[in-house]
Amino acid sequence: MKFIFILFLFFFSAAHANDDYKTFCKTLLDFVKENPGGLSVGCCDYDHPSNDILKEDYNGEPLITKEECHV
């Protein structure tokens, strides 16, 4: 019974985490649009121009990849 309860809590929190991430990304994208050059949007929008510097090679590999962002 404890296992089922813990499993239920995990799935419930995971469902809300996705909503929180979408809200965070929307807020971050709005902030980056208002203040260009300050931050990059990271995995919120992989093809956003602010990520260009992260896609450049640093010590042989980029700081952000499509695999890390699950694109």
C-alpha atoms as a PDB file:
ATOM      1  CA  MET A   1       0.000   0.000   0.000  1.00  0.00           C
ATOM      2  CA  LYS A   2       2.840   2.412   0.813  1.00  0.00           C
ATOM      3  CA  PHE A   3       4.409   1.716  -2.561  1.00  0.00           C
ATOM      4  CA  ILE A   4       1.205   2.602  -4.416  1.00  0.00           C
ATOM      5  CA  PHE A   5       0.869   5.827  -2.433  1.00  0.00           C
ATOM      6  CA  ILE A   6       4.486   6.818  -3.154  1.00  0.00           C
ATOM      7  CA  LEU A   7       4.042   5.977  -6.827  1.00  0.00           C
ATOM      8  CA  PHE A   8       0.895   8.120  -6.940  1.00  0.00           C
ATOM      9  CA  LEU A   9       2.763  11.062  -5.374  1.00  0.00           C
ATOM     10  CA  PHE A  10       5.608  10.710  -7.852  1.00  0.00           C
ATOM     11  CA  PHE A  11       3.339  10.809 -10.897  1.00  0.00           C
ATOM     12  CA  PHE A  12       1.275  13.656  -9.450  1.00  0.00           C
ATOM     13  CA  SER A  13       4.389  15.763  -8.820  1.00  0.00           C
ATOM     14  CA  ALA A  14       5.847  14.890 -12.239  1.00  0.00           C
ATOM     15  CA  ALA A  15       2.687  16.116 -13.952  1.00  0.00           C
ATOM     16  CA  HIS A  16       2.890  19.455 -12.148  1.00  0.00           C
ATOM     17  CA  ALA A  17       6.609  19.772 -12.853  1.00  0.00           C
ATOM     18  CA  ASN A  18       5.880  19.888 -16.579  1.00  0.00           C
ATOM     19  CA  ASP A  19       3.399  22.737 -16.073  1.00  0.00           C
ATOM     20  CA  ASP A  20       5.913  24.593 -13.900  1.00  0.00           C
ATOM     21  CA  TYR A  21       8.612  24.142 -16.562  1.00  0.00           C
ATOM     22  CA  LYS A  22       6.317  25.521 -19.278  1.00  0.00           C
ATOM     23  CA  THR A  23       5.516  28.546 -17.111  1.00  0.00           C
ATOM     24  CA  PHE A  24       9.222  29.084 -16.391  1.00  0.00           C
ATOM     25  CA  CYS A  25      10.090  28.862 -20.097  1.00  0.00           C
ATOM     26  CA  LYS A  26       7.376  31.325 -21.076  1.00  0.00           C
ATOM     27  CA  THR A  27       8.615  33.804 -18.466  1.00  0.00           C
ATOM     28  CA  LEU A  28      12.255  33.300 -19.485  1.00  0.00           C
ATOM     29  CA  LEU A  29      11.474  33.767 -23.193  1.00  0.00           C
ATOM     30  CA  ASP A  30       9.623  37.013 -22.425  1.00  0.00           C
ATOM     31  CA  PHE A  31      12.556  38.265 -20.327  1.00  0.00           C
ATOM     32  CA  VAL A  32      15.122  37.410 -23.018  1.00  0.00           C
ATOM     33  CA  LYS A  33      13.017  39.189 -25.667  1.00  0.00           C
ATOM     34  CA  GLU A  34      12.915  42.314 -23.500  1.00  0.00           C
ATOM     35  CA  ASN A  35      16.635  42.125 -22.574  1.00  0.00           C
ATOM     36  CA  PRO A  36      18.569  40.707 -25.545  1.00  0.00           C
ATOM     37  CA  GLY A  37      22.177  39.742 -25.020  1.00  0.00           C
ATOM     38  CA  GLY A  38      21.888  39.076 -21.285  1.00  0.00           C
ATOM     39  CA  LEU A  39      20.784  35.466 -21.051  1.00  0.00           C
ATOM     40  CA  SER A  40      20.211  32.502 -23.293  1.00  0.00           C
ATOM     41  CA  VAL A  41      16.983  30.532 -23.184  1.00  0.00           C
ATOM     42  CA  GLY A  42      18.708  27.142 -23.082  1.00  0.00           C
ATOM     43  CA  CYS A  43      16.476  24.126 -23.638  1.00  0.00           C
ATOM     44  CA  CYS A  44      13.273  26.180 -23.514  1.00  0.00           C
ATOM     45  CA  ASP A  45      13.792  26.896 -27.230  1.00  0.00           C
ATOM     46  CA  TYR A  46      16.875  25.195 -28.673  1.00  0.00           C
ATOM     47  CA  ASP A  47      16.771  27.126 -31.974  1.00  0.00           C
ATOM     48  CA  HIS A  48      16.478  30.560 -30.333  1.00  0.00           C
ATOM     49  CA  PRO A  49      19.228  32.985 -31.475  1.00  0.00           C
ATOM     50  CA  SER A  50      20.342  33.529 -27.867  1.00  0.00           C
ATOM     51  CA  ASN A  51      21.640  29.937 -27.809  1.00  0.00           C
ATOM     52  CA  ASP A  52      24.112  30.472 -30.659  1.00  0.00           C
ATOM     53  CA  ILE A  53      27.011  31.074 -28.281  1.00  0.00           C
ATOM     54  CA  LEU A  54      26.181  27.878 -26.367  1.00  0.00           C
ATOM     55  CA  LYS A  55      26.230  25.849 -29.591  1.00  0.00           C
ATOM     56  CA  GLU A  56      29.818  26.876 -30.374  1.00  0.00           C
ATOM     57  CA  ASP A  57      32.570  24.413 -29.499  1.00  0.00           C
ATOM     58  CA  TYR A  58      34.282  24.912 -26.159  1.00  0.00           C
ATOM     59  CA  ASN A  59      37.201  22.557 -25.524  1.00  0.00           C
ATOM     60  CA  GLY A  60      36.013  20.326 -28.334  1.00  0.00           C
ATOM     61  CA  GLU A  61      32.300  20.135 -27.606  1.00  0.00           C
ATOM     62  CA  PRO A  62      29.319  22.515 -27.415  1.00  0.00           C
ATOM     63  CA  LEU A  63      27.788  23.574 -24.113  1.00  0.00           C
ATOM     64  CA  ILE A  64      24.276  22.683 -25.308  1.00  0.00           C
ATOM     65  CA  THR A  65      23.182  19.882 -27.649  1.00  0.00           C
ATOM     66  CA  LYS A  66      19.897  18.681 -29.091  1.00  0.00           C
ATOM     67  CA  GLU A  67      20.252  15.407 -27.179  1.00  0.00           C
ATOM     68  CA  GLU A  68      20.427  17.223 -23.844  1.00  0.00           C
ATOM     69  CA  CYS A  69      17.335  19.254 -24.706  1.00  0.00           C
ATOM     70  CA  HIS A  70      15.401  16.223 -25.987  1.00  0.00           C
ATOM     71  CA  VAL A  71      14.683  17.949 -29.300  1.00  0.00           C
END
